[in-house]
ModelCIF file with pLDDT and N, C-alpha, C, O atoms, coordinates in Angstrom:
data_MODEL
#
_entry.id   MODEL 
#
_entity.id                         1 
_entity.type                       polymer 
_entity.pdbx_number_of_molecules   1 
#
_entity_poly.entity_id                      1 
_entity_poly.type                           'polypeptide(L)' 
_entity_poly.nstd_linkage                   no 
_entity_poly.nstd_monomer                   no 
_entity_poly.pdbx_seq_one_letter_code       IGNLLMMLVIRADSHLHTPMYFFLSHLSFLDAF 
_entity_poly.pdbx_seq_one_letter_code_can   IGNLLMMLVIRADSHLHTPMYFFLSHLSFLDAF 
_entity_poly.pdbx_strand_id                 A 
#
loop_
_entity_poly_seq.entity_id 
_entity_poly_seq.num 
_entity_poly_seq.mon_id 
_entity_poly_seq.hetero 
1 1  ILE n 
1 2  GLY n 
1 3  ASN n 
1 4  LEU n 
1 5  LEU n 
1 6  MET n 
1 7  MET n 
1 8  LEU n 
1 9  VAL n 
1 10 ILE n 
1 11 ARG n 
1 12 ALA n 
1 13 ASP n 
1 14 SER n 
1 15 HIS n 
1 16 LEU n 
1 17 HIS n 
1 18 THR n 
1 19 PRO n 
1 20 MET n 
1 21 TYR n 
1 22 PHE n 
1 23 PHE n 
1 24 LEU n 
1 25 SER n 
1 26 HIS n 
1 27 LEU n 
1 28 SER n 
1 29 PHE n 
1 30 LEU n 
1 31 ASP n 
1 32 ALA n 
1 33 PHE n 
#
_struct_asym.id          A 
_struct_asym.entity_id   1 
#
loop_
_ma_qa_metric.id 
_ma_qa_metric.mode 
_ma_qa_metric.name 
_ma_qa_metric.software_group_id 
_ma_qa_metric.type 
1 global pLDDT . pLDDT 
2 local  pLDDT . pLDDT 
#
_ma_qa_metric_global.metric_id      1 
_ma_qa_metric_global.metric_value   90.42 
_ma_qa_metric_global.model_id       1 
_ma_qa_metric_global.ordinal_id     1 
#
loop_
_ma_qa_metric_local.label_asym_id 
_ma_qa_metric_local.label_comp_id 
_ma_qa_metric_local.label_seq_id 
_ma_qa_metric_local.metric_id 
_ma_qa_metric_local.metric_value 
_ma_qa_metric_local.model_id 
_ma_qa_metric_local.ordinal_id 
A ILE 1  2 92.00 1 1  
A GLY 2  2 90.00 1 2  
A ASN 3  2 92.00 1 3  
A LEU 4  2 93.00 1 4  
A LEU 5  2 90.00 1 5  
A MET 6  2 89.00 1 6  
A MET 7  2 91.00 1 7  
A LEU 8  2 91.00 1 8  
A VAL 9  2 89.00 1 9  
A ILE 10 2 90.00 1 10 
A ARG 11 2 89.00 1 11 
A ALA 12 2 86.00 1 12 
A ASP 13 2 83.00 1 13 
A SER 14 2 83.00 1 14 
A HIS 15 2 83.00 1 15 
A LEU 16 2 85.00 1 16 
A HIS 17 2 89.00 1 17 
A THR 18 2 90.00 1 18 
A PRO 19 2 92.00 1 19 
A MET 20 2 90.00 1 20 
A TYR 21 2 90.00 1 21 
A PHE 22 2 94.00 1 22 
A PHE 23 2 94.00 1 23 
A LEU 24 2 91.00 1 24 
A SER 25 2 92.00 1 25 
A HIS 26 2 94.00 1 26 
A LEU 27 2 93.00 1 27 
A SER 28 2 92.00 1 28 
A PHE 29 2 94.00 1 29 
A LEU 30 2 94.00 1 30 
A ASP 31 2 92.00 1 31 
A ALA 32 2 93.00 1 32 
A PHE 33 2 94.00 1 33 
#
loop_
_atom_site.group_PDB 
_atom_site.id 
_atom_site.type_symbol 
_atom_site.label_atom_id 
_atom_site.label_alt_id 
_atom_site.label_comp_id 
_atom_site.label_asym_id 
_atom_site.label_entity_id 
_atom_site.label_seq_id 
_atom_site.pdbx_PDB_ins_code 
_atom_site.Cartn_x 
_atom_site.Cartn_y 
_atom_site.Cartn_z 
_atom_site.occupancy 
_atom_site.B_iso_or_equiv 
_atom_site.pdbx_formal_charge 
_atom_site.auth_seq_id 
_atom_site.auth_comp_id 
_atom_site.auth_asym_id 
_atom_site.auth_atom_id 
_atom_site.pdbx_PDB_model_num 
ATOM 1   N N  . ILE A 1 1  ? 29.578 55.473 53.172 1.00 92.00 ? 1  ILE A N  1 
ATOM 2   C CA . ILE A 1 1  ? 30.022 54.166 52.665 1.00 92.00 ? 1  ILE A CA 1 
ATOM 3   C C  . ILE A 1 1  ? 31.438 54.268 52.106 1.00 92.00 ? 1  ILE A C  1 
ATOM 4   O O  . ILE A 1 1  ? 32.284 53.422 52.396 1.00 92.00 ? 1  ILE A O  1 
ATOM 5   N N  . GLY A 1 2  ? 31.701 55.313 51.297 1.00 90.00 ? 2  GLY A N  1 
ATOM 6   C CA . GLY A 1 2  ? 33.013 55.467 50.683 1.00 90.00 ? 2  GLY A CA 1 
ATOM 7   C C  . GLY A 1 2  ? 34.122 55.641 51.699 1.00 90.00 ? 2  GLY A C  1 
ATOM 8   O O  . GLY A 1 2  ? 35.160 54.985 51.610 1.00 90.00 ? 2  GLY A O  1 
ATOM 9   N N  . ASN A 1 3  ? 33.907 56.528 52.671 1.00 92.00 ? 3  ASN A N  1 
ATOM 10  C CA . ASN A 1 3  ? 34.954 56.800 53.659 1.00 92.00 ? 3  ASN A CA 1 
ATOM 11  C C  . ASN A 1 3  ? 35.128 55.651 54.648 1.00 92.00 ? 3  ASN A C  1 
ATOM 12  O O  . ASN A 1 3  ? 36.255 55.312 55.010 1.00 92.00 ? 3  ASN A O  1 
ATOM 13  N N  . LEU A 1 4  ? 34.021 55.049 55.088 1.00 93.00 ? 4  LEU A N  1 
ATOM 14  C CA . LEU A 1 4  ? 34.127 53.916 56.004 1.00 93.00 ? 4  LEU A CA 1 
ATOM 15  C C  . LEU A 1 4  ? 34.745 52.702 55.314 1.00 93.00 ? 4  LEU A C  1 
ATOM 16  O O  . LEU A 1 4  ? 35.494 51.949 55.937 1.00 93.00 ? 4  LEU A O  1 
ATOM 17  N N  . LEU A 1 5  ? 34.434 52.510 54.034 1.00 90.00 ? 5  LEU A N  1 
ATOM 18  C CA . LEU A 1 5  ? 35.035 51.405 53.283 1.00 90.00 ? 5  LEU A CA 1 
ATOM 19  C C  . LEU A 1 5  ? 36.534 51.633 53.117 1.00 90.00 ? 5  LEU A C  1 
ATOM 20  O O  . LEU A 1 5  ? 37.321 50.690 53.197 1.00 90.00 ? 5  LEU A O  1 
ATOM 21  N N  . MET A 1 6  ? 36.927 52.879 52.887 1.00 89.00 ? 6  MET A N  1 
ATOM 22  C CA . MET A 1 6  ? 38.348 53.196 52.782 1.00 89.00 ? 6  MET A CA 1 
ATOM 23  C C  . MET A 1 6  ? 39.070 52.865 54.087 1.00 89.00 ? 6  MET A C  1 
ATOM 24  O O  . MET A 1 6  ? 40.152 52.279 54.068 1.00 89.00 ? 6  MET A O  1 
ATOM 25  N N  . MET A 1 7  ? 38.471 53.241 55.221 1.00 91.00 ? 7  MET A N  1 
ATOM 26  C CA . MET A 1 7  ? 39.062 52.936 56.516 1.00 91.00 ? 7  MET A CA 1 
ATOM 27  C C  . MET A 1 7  ? 39.147 51.427 56.735 1.00 91.00 ? 7  MET A C  1 
ATOM 28  O O  . MET A 1 7  ? 40.148 50.931 57.253 1.00 91.00 ? 7  MET A O  1 
ATOM 29  N N  . LEU A 1 8  ? 38.104 50.697 56.344 1.00 91.00 ? 8  LEU A N  1 
ATOM 30  C CA . LEU A 1 8  ? 38.074 49.248 56.526 1.00 91.00 ? 8  LEU A CA 1 
ATOM 31  C C  . LEU A 1 8  ? 39.141 48.553 55.676 1.00 91.00 ? 8  LEU A C  1 
ATOM 32  O O  . LEU A 1 8  ? 39.824 47.645 56.149 1.00 91.00 ? 8  LEU A O  1 
ATOM 33  N N  . VAL A 1 9  ? 39.279 48.988 54.419 1.00 89.00 ? 9  VAL A N  1 
ATOM 34  C CA . VAL A 1 9  ? 40.273 48.383 53.523 1.00 89.00 ? 9  VAL A CA 1 
ATOM 35  C C  . VAL A 1 9  ? 41.682 48.612 54.062 1.00 89.00 ? 9  VAL A C  1 
ATOM 36  O O  . VAL A 1 9  ? 42.504 47.697 54.069 1.00 89.00 ? 9  VAL A O  1 
ATOM 37  N N  . ILE A 1 10 ? 41.957 49.828 54.512 1.00 90.00 ? 10 ILE A N  1 
ATOM 38  C CA . ILE A 1 10 ? 43.287 50.145 55.042 1.00 90.00 ? 10 ILE A CA 1 
ATOM 39  C C  . ILE A 1 10 ? 43.594 49.318 56.280 1.00 90.00 ? 10 ILE A C  1 
ATOM 40  O O  . ILE A 1 10 ? 44.716 48.843 56.455 1.00 90.00 ? 10 ILE A O  1 
ATOM 41  N N  . ARG A 1 11 ? 42.601 49.148 57.134 1.00 89.00 ? 11 ARG A N  1 
ATOM 42  C CA . ARG A 1 11 ? 42.821 48.385 58.363 1.00 89.00 ? 11 ARG A CA 1 
ATOM 43  C C  . ARG A 1 11 ? 42.960 46.887 58.082 1.00 89.00 ? 11 ARG A C  1 
ATOM 44  O O  . ARG A 1 11 ? 43.730 46.196 58.749 1.00 89.00 ? 11 ARG A O  1 
ATOM 45  N N  . ALA A 1 12 ? 42.214 46.389 57.093 1.00 86.00 ? 12 ALA A N  1 
ATOM 46  C CA . ALA A 1 12 ? 42.165 44.938 56.858 1.00 86.00 ? 12 ALA A CA 1 
ATOM 47  C C  . ALA A 1 12 ? 43.332 44.426 56.027 1.00 86.00 ? 12 ALA A C  1 
ATOM 48  O O  . ALA A 1 12 ? 43.704 43.259 56.149 1.00 86.00 ? 12 ALA A O  1 
ATOM 49  N N  . ASP A 1 13 ? 43.919 45.275 55.180 1.00 83.00 ? 13 ASP A N  1 
ATOM 50  C CA . ASP A 1 13 ? 44.965 44.817 54.261 1.00 83.00 ? 13 ASP A CA 1 
ATOM 51  C C  . ASP A 1 13 ? 46.339 45.233 54.776 1.00 83.00 ? 13 ASP A C  1 
ATOM 52  O O  . ASP A 1 13 ? 46.613 46.422 54.935 1.00 83.00 ? 13 ASP A O  1 
ATOM 53  N N  . SER A 1 14 ? 47.187 44.269 55.031 1.00 83.00 ? 14 SER A N  1 
ATOM 54  C CA . SER A 1 14 ? 48.516 44.552 55.583 1.00 83.00 ? 14 SER A CA 1 
ATOM 55  C C  . SER A 1 14 ? 49.406 45.311 54.595 1.00 83.00 ? 14 SER A C  1 
ATOM 56  O O  . SER A 1 14 ? 50.353 45.978 55.010 1.00 83.00 ? 14 SER A O  1 
ATOM 57  N N  . HIS A 1 15 ? 49.110 45.216 53.284 1.00 83.00 ? 15 HIS A N  1 
ATOM 58  C CA . HIS A 1 15 ? 49.890 45.941 52.290 1.00 83.00 ? 15 HIS A CA 1 
ATOM 59  C C  . HIS A 1 15 ? 49.723 47.454 52.424 1.00 83.00 ? 15 HIS A C  1 
ATOM 60  O O  . HIS A 1 15 ? 50.554 48.223 51.941 1.00 83.00 ? 15 HIS A O  1 
ATOM 61  N N  . LEU A 1 16 ? 48.651 47.868 53.077 1.00 85.00 ? 16 LEU A N  1 
ATOM 62  C CA . LEU A 1 16 ? 48.367 49.297 53.229 1.00 85.00 ? 16 LEU A CA 1 
ATOM 63  C C  . LEU A 1 16 ? 48.745 49.824 54.607 1.00 85.00 ? 16 LEU A C  1 
ATOM 64  O O  . LEU A 1 16 ? 48.381 50.945 54.963 1.00 85.00 ? 16 LEU A O  1 
ATOM 65  N N  . HIS A 1 17 ? 49.465 49.033 55.381 1.00 89.00 ? 17 HIS A N  1 
ATOM 66  C CA . HIS A 1 17 ? 49.892 49.479 56.712 1.00 89.00 ? 17 HIS A CA 1 
ATOM 67  C C  . HIS A 1 17 ? 51.186 50.286 56.588 1.00 89.00 ? 17 HIS A C  1 
ATOM 68  O O  . HIS A 1 17 ? 52.241 49.889 57.083 1.00 89.00 ? 17 HIS A O  1 
ATOM 69  N N  . THR A 1 18 ? 51.069 51.422 55.917 1.00 90.00 ? 18 THR A N  1 
ATOM 70  C CA . THR A 1 18 ? 52.195 52.334 55.694 1.00 90.00 ? 18 THR A CA 1 
ATOM 71  C C  . THR A 1 18 ? 51.787 53.732 56.165 1.00 90.00 ? 18 THR A C  1 
ATOM 72  O O  . THR A 1 18 ? 50.598 53.990 56.355 1.00 90.00 ? 18 THR A O  1 
ATOM 73  N N  . PRO A 1 19 ? 52.749 54.636 56.357 1.00 92.00 ? 19 PRO A N  1 
ATOM 74  C CA . PRO A 1 19 ? 52.406 55.992 56.819 1.00 92.00 ? 19 PRO A CA 1 
ATOM 75  C C  . PRO A 1 19 ? 51.366 56.691 55.943 1.00 92.00 ? 19 PRO A C  1 
ATOM 76  O O  . PRO A 1 19 ? 50.450 57.331 56.460 1.00 92.00 ? 19 PRO A O  1 
ATOM 77  N N  . MET A 1 20 ? 51.502 56.574 54.622 1.00 90.00 ? 20 MET A N  1 
ATOM 78  C CA . MET A 1 20 ? 50.582 57.247 53.711 1.00 90.00 ? 20 MET A CA 1 
ATOM 79  C C  . MET A 1 20 ? 49.137 56.846 53.979 1.00 90.00 ? 20 MET A C  1 
ATOM 80  O O  . MET A 1 20 ? 48.251 57.700 54.033 1.00 90.00 ? 20 MET A O  1 
ATOM 81  N N  . TYR A 1 21 ? 48.902 55.564 54.145 1.00 90.00 ? 21 TYR A N  1 
ATOM 82  C CA . TYR A 1 21 ? 47.533 55.084 54.348 1.00 90.00 ? 21 TYR A CA 1 
ATOM 83  C C  . TYR A 1 21 ? 47.080 55.254 55.797 1.00 90.00 ? 21 TYR A C  1 
ATOM 84  O O  . TYR A 1 21 ? 45.880 55.317 56.064 1.00 90.00 ? 21 TYR A O  1 
ATOM 85  N N  . PHE A 1 22 ? 48.000 55.328 56.707 1.00 94.00 ? 22 PHE A N  1 
ATOM 86  C CA . PHE A 1 22 ? 47.657 55.676 58.090 1.00 94.00 ? 22 PHE A CA 1 
ATOM 87  C C  . PHE A 1 22 ? 47.053 57.076 58.139 1.00 94.00 ? 22 PHE A C  1 
ATOM 88  O O  . PHE A 1 22 ? 46.039 57.298 58.801 1.00 94.00 ? 22 PHE A O  1 
ATOM 89  N N  . PHE A 1 23 ? 47.680 58.022 57.432 1.00 94.00 ? 23 PHE A N  1 
ATOM 90  C CA . PHE A 1 23 ? 47.142 59.377 57.359 1.00 94.00 ? 23 PHE A CA 1 
ATOM 91  C C  . PHE A 1 23 ? 45.825 59.404 56.586 1.00 94.00 ? 23 PHE A C  1 
ATOM 92  O O  . PHE A 1 23 ? 44.897 60.128 56.945 1.00 94.00 ? 23 PHE A O  1 
ATOM 93  N N  . LEU A 1 24 ? 45.757 58.616 55.533 1.00 91.00 ? 24 LEU A N  1 
ATOM 94  C CA . LEU A 1 24 ? 44.545 58.583 54.717 1.00 91.00 ? 24 LEU A CA 1 
ATOM 95  C C  . LEU A 1 24 ? 43.344 58.067 55.505 1.00 91.00 ? 24 LEU A C  1 
ATOM 96  O O  . LEU A 1 24 ? 42.224 58.533 55.298 1.00 91.00 ? 24 LEU A O  1 
ATOM 97  N N  . SER A 1 25 ? 43.566 57.118 56.399 1.00 92.00 ? 25 SER A N  1 
ATOM 98  C CA . SER A 1 25 ? 42.462 56.598 57.215 1.00 92.00 ? 25 SER A CA 1 
ATOM 99  C C  . SER A 1 25 ? 41.913 57.688 58.134 1.00 92.00 ? 25 SER A C  1 
ATOM 100 O O  . SER A 1 25 ? 40.705 57.756 58.361 1.00 92.00 ? 25 SER A O  1 
ATOM 101 N N  . HIS A 1 26 ? 42.789 58.536 58.661 1.00 94.00 ? 26 HIS A N  1 
ATOM 102 C CA . HIS A 1 26 ? 42.334 59.650 59.491 1.00 94.00 ? 26 HIS A CA 1 
ATOM 103 C C  . HIS A 1 26 ? 41.594 60.695 58.653 1.00 94.00 ? 26 HIS A C  1 
ATOM 104 O O  . HIS A 1 26 ? 40.618 61.286 59.113 1.00 94.00 ? 26 HIS A O  1 
ATOM 105 N N  . LEU A 1 27 ? 42.059 60.920 57.428 1.00 93.00 ? 27 LEU A N  1 
ATOM 106 C CA . LEU A 1 27 ? 41.360 61.848 56.533 1.00 93.00 ? 27 LEU A CA 1 
ATOM 107 C C  . LEU A 1 27 ? 39.966 61.336 56.207 1.00 93.00 ? 27 LEU A C  1 
ATOM 108 O O  . LEU A 1 27 ? 39.013 62.114 56.166 1.00 93.00 ? 27 LEU A O  1 
ATOM 109 N N  . SER A 1 28 ? 39.840 60.043 55.976 1.00 92.00 ? 28 SER A N  1 
ATOM 110 C CA . SER A 1 28 ? 38.528 59.448 55.688 1.00 92.00 ? 28 SER A CA 1 
ATOM 111 C C  . SER A 1 28 ? 37.587 59.604 56.877 1.00 92.00 ? 28 SER A C  1 
ATOM 112 O O  . SER A 1 28 ? 36.405 59.898 56.704 1.00 92.00 ? 28 SER A O  1 
ATOM 113 N N  . PHE A 1 29 ? 38.118 59.407 58.092 1.00 94.00 ? 29 PHE A N  1 
ATOM 114 C CA . PHE A 1 29 ? 37.300 59.590 59.284 1.00 94.00 ? 29 PHE A CA 1 
ATOM 115 C C  . PHE A 1 29 ? 36.813 61.038 59.391 1.00 94.00 ? 29 PHE A C  1 
ATOM 116 O O  . PHE A 1 29 ? 35.646 61.279 59.702 1.00 94.00 ? 29 PHE A O  1 
ATOM 117 N N  . LEU A 1 30 ? 37.703 61.998 59.134 1.00 94.00 ? 30 LEU A N  1 
ATOM 118 C CA . LEU A 1 30 ? 37.327 63.410 59.215 1.00 94.00 ? 30 LEU A CA 1 
ATOM 119 C C  . LEU A 1 30 ? 36.255 63.766 58.191 1.00 94.00 ? 30 LEU A C  1 
ATOM 120 O O  . LEU A 1 30 ? 35.336 64.529 58.489 1.00 94.00 ? 30 LEU A O  1 
ATOM 121 N N  . ASP A 1 31 ? 36.372 63.212 56.982 1.00 92.00 ? 31 ASP A N  1 
ATOM 122 C CA . ASP A 1 31 ? 35.370 63.492 55.953 1.00 92.00 ? 31 ASP A CA 1 
ATOM 123 C C  . ASP A 1 31 ? 33.999 62.943 56.342 1.00 92.00 ? 31 ASP A C  1 
ATOM 124 O O  . ASP A 1 31 ? 32.985 63.621 56.173 1.00 92.00 ? 31 ASP A O  1 
ATOM 125 N N  . ALA A 1 32 ? 33.967 61.720 56.860 1.00 93.00 ? 32 ALA A N  1 
ATOM 126 C CA . ALA A 1 32 ? 32.702 61.138 57.313 1.00 93.00 ? 32 ALA A CA 1 
ATOM 127 C C  . ALA A 1 32 ? 32.141 61.927 58.491 1.00 93.00 ? 32 ALA A C  1 
ATOM 128 O O  . ALA A 1 32 ? 30.932 62.144 58.577 1.00 93.00 ? 32 ALA A O  1 
ATOM 129 N N  . PHE A 1 33 ? 33.013 62.355 59.395 1.00 94.00 ? 33 PHE A N  1 
ATOM 130 C CA . PHE A 1 33 ? 32.610 63.130 60.572 1.00 94.00 ? 33 PHE A CA 1 
ATOM 131 C C  . PHE A 1 33 ? 32.047 64.483 60.163 1.00 94.00 ? 33 PHE A C  1 
ATOM 132 O O  . PHE A 1 33 ? 31.656 65.273 61.022 1.00 94.00 ? 33 PHE A O  1 
#
């Protein structure tokens, strides 16, 4: 829930469409995986 929610928030909010959060979304996917 935590990692998928992080990915969802980053994708849904345009304020987070930056390099830092792009990398963070991949980190969240790896943690869930």
